[in-house]
Amino acid sequence: MEFCVEDSTDVHVLIEDHRIVFSCKNADGVELYNEIEFYAKVNSKDSQDKRSSRSITCFVRKWKEKVAWPRLTKEDIKPVWLSVDFDNWRDWEGDEEMELAHVEHYAELLKKVSTKRPPPAMDDLDFTTTVV
């Protein structure tokens, strides 16, 4: 998840098993605070945050990695300030099928390349050359 706050100062990120607490000051000195209760348990020991001049990005690893969540928050209502970054969207349900399709495609390509065929006949080539 990403908190978009340009030129942030006094950044504090606390990632716990069931929530994240975020606070900082923006460029105007306004204090920002946010606390999010996660839908399910996360691995707080394997989660981290990274700060840039434009935002604070939090990498939160789910406790059960291959289980899709219907939403990020515990509450059924989505906060108005929360949105999905579709550039980083990952559809867990279709991943295995997509990977299998890629493997089958590459296997077909390898089979075509490794199949020995007779060399092409070159009797239709014109060997006349003109030197200028």
Protein backbone atom coordinates (compact mmCIF):
# COMPACT_ATOMS: atom_id res chain seq x y z
CA MET A 1 0.00 0.00 0.00
CA GLU A 2 1.14 3.52 -0.66
CA PHE A 3 0.54 6.73 1.28
CA CYS A 4 1.01 9.64 -1.13
CA VAL A 5 2.47 12.48 0.94
CA GLU A 6 5.04 14.71 -0.78
CA ASP A 7 8.00 15.96 1.25
CA SER A 8 6.90 14.10 4.37
CA THR A 9 8.70 14.46 7.70
CA ASP A 10 8.45 12.69 11.07
CA VAL A 11 7.29 9.51 9.34
CA HIS A 12 6.26 6.67 11.66
CA VAL A 13 5.01 3.32 10.35
CA LEU A 14 4.00 0.53 12.70
CA ILE A 15 3.00 -2.74 11.07
CA GLU A 16 1.38 -5.20 13.48
CA ASP A 17 -0.27 -8.58 12.85
CA HIS A 18 -3.76 -7.11 12.50
CA ARG A 19 -3.24 -3.41 11.72
CA ILE A 20 -0.99 -0.70 10.39
CA VAL A 21 -0.51 2.69 12.04
CA PHE A 22 0.86 5.50 9.88
CA SER A 23 1.66 9.08 10.81
CA CYS A 24 3.72 11.92 9.37
CA LYS A 25 3.75 15.64 8.61
CA ASN A 26 3.30 16.94 5.08
CA ALA A 27 5.24 19.80 3.47
CA ASP A 28 2.90 22.37 5.11
CA GLY A 29 3.48 20.88 8.57
CA VAL A 30 0.01 19.35 8.80
CA GLU A 31 0.00 16.16 10.87
CA LEU A 32 -1.51 13.12 9.15
CA TYR A 33 -2.56 9.96 10.98
CA ASN A 34 -4.09 6.76 9.73
CA GLU A 35 -4.85 3.42 11.32
CA ILE A 36 -6.06 0.49 9.23
CA GLU A 37 -7.36 -2.78 10.67
CA PHE A 38 -6.51 -5.51 8.14
CA TYR A 39 -9.07 -7.98 6.86
CA ALA A 40 -6.95 -10.88 8.14
CA LYS A 41 -3.63 -11.51 9.87
CA VAL A 42 -0.41 -10.33 8.20
CA ASN A 43 3.21 -11.32 8.77
CA SER A 44 4.45 -8.22 10.54
CA LYS A 45 8.00 -9.60 10.85
CA ASP A 46 8.28 -9.94 7.05
CA SER A 47 6.67 -6.58 6.22
CA GLN A 48 8.50 -3.32 5.65
CA ASP A 49 8.15 0.28 4.49
CA LYS A 50 10.12 2.49 2.11
CA ARG A 51 10.06 6.27 1.97
CA SER A 52 10.60 8.44 -1.11
CA SER A 53 10.17 12.18 -1.62
CA ARG A 54 6.63 11.65 -2.95
CA SER A 55 5.22 8.78 -0.89
CA ILE A 56 5.64 6.10 1.75
CA THR A 57 5.19 2.57 0.40
CA CYS A 58 4.38 -0.27 2.78
CA PHE A 59 5.01 -3.85 1.73
CA VAL A 60 2.72 -6.00 3.85
CA ARG A 61 2.90 -9.78 3.49
CA LYS A 62 -0.27 -11.73 4.21
CA TRP A 63 -0.01 -14.57 6.74
CA LYS A 64 -1.68 -16.98 4.30
CA GLU A 65 -0.05 -15.95 1.03
CA LYS A 66 -2.15 -17.78 -1.57
CA VAL A 67 -5.50 -16.73 -0.09
CA ALA A 68 -7.28 -13.81 -1.75
CA TRP A 69 -8.87 -11.18 0.45
CA PRO A 70 -12.17 -9.63 -0.62
CA ARG A 71 -10.88 -6.27 0.66
CA LEU A 72 -7.96 -4.73 2.57
CA THR A 73 -9.83 -3.54 5.63
CA LYS A 74 -11.68 -5.42 8.35
CA GLU A 75 -14.72 -3.14 7.95
CA ASP A 76 -17.18 -3.90 5.19
CA ILE A 77 -17.22 -0.22 4.12
CA LYS A 78 -14.35 1.07 1.96
CA PRO A 79 -12.90 4.40 3.15
CA VAL A 80 -13.26 7.18 0.55
CA TRP A 81 -9.52 7.85 0.52
CA LEU A 82 -8.63 4.20 -0.25
CA SER A 83 -8.27 3.12 -3.89
CA VAL A 84 -6.87 0.18 -5.82
CA ASP A 85 -3.66 0.65 -7.81
CA PHE A 86 -4.56 -1.34 -10.92
CA ASP A 87 -1.00 -0.93 -12.28
CA ASN A 88 0.07 -3.34 -9.53
CA TRP A 89 -3.06 -5.50 -9.53
CA ARG A 90 -2.52 -9.25 -9.37
CA ASP A 91 -5.34 -11.71 -9.92
CA TRP A 92 -4.49 -14.68 -7.72
CA GLU A 93 -7.15 -16.96 -9.17
CA GLY A 94 -5.91 -16.70 -12.76
CA ASP A 95 -2.18 -16.84 -12.05
CA GLU A 96 -1.78 -20.63 -12.06
CA GLU A 97 -3.74 -21.04 -15.30
CA MET A 98 -1.72 -18.26 -16.94
CA GLU A 99 1.61 -19.78 -15.85
CA LEU A 100 0.53 -23.21 -17.11
CA ALA A 101 -0.43 -21.71 -20.48
CA HIS A 102 3.01 -20.06 -20.75
CA VAL A 103 4.78 -23.34 -19.93
CA GLU A 104 2.75 -25.23 -22.54
CA HIS A 105 3.48 -22.53 -25.14
CA TYR A 106 7.23 -22.70 -24.53
CA ALA A 107 7.15 -26.51 -24.60
CA GLU A 108 5.52 -26.35 -28.06
CA LEU A 109 8.14 -23.90 -29.28
CA LEU A 110 10.95 -26.10 -28.01
CA LYS A 111 9.43 -29.15 -29.69
CA LYS A 112 9.25 -27.28 -33.03
CA VAL A 113 12.86 -26.13 -32.74
CA SER A 114 14.23 -29.52 -31.72
CA THR A 115 12.37 -31.50 -34.43
CA LYS A 116 14.90 -32.47 -37.15
CA ARG A 117 13.67 -31.85 -40.64
CA PRO A 118 15.49 -32.19 -43.93
CA PRO A 119 17.29 -29.02 -44.98
CA PRO A 120 15.36 -26.78 -47.37
CA ALA A 121 15.98 -27.24 -51.08
CA MET A 122 17.84 -24.32 -52.57
CA ASP A 123 17.08 -25.03 -56.23
CA ASP A 124 14.76 -22.04 -56.51
CA LEU A 125 17.47 -19.50 -55.64
CA ASP A 126 18.93 -17.29 -58.37
CA PHE A 127 22.74 -17.28 -58.18
CA THR A 128 23.19 -14.57 -60.79
CA THR A 129 25.10 -11.65 -59.38
CA THR A 130 25.82 -8.34 -61.00
CA VAL A 131 28.88 -6.32 -60.04
CA VAL A 132 28.55 -2.60 -60.52
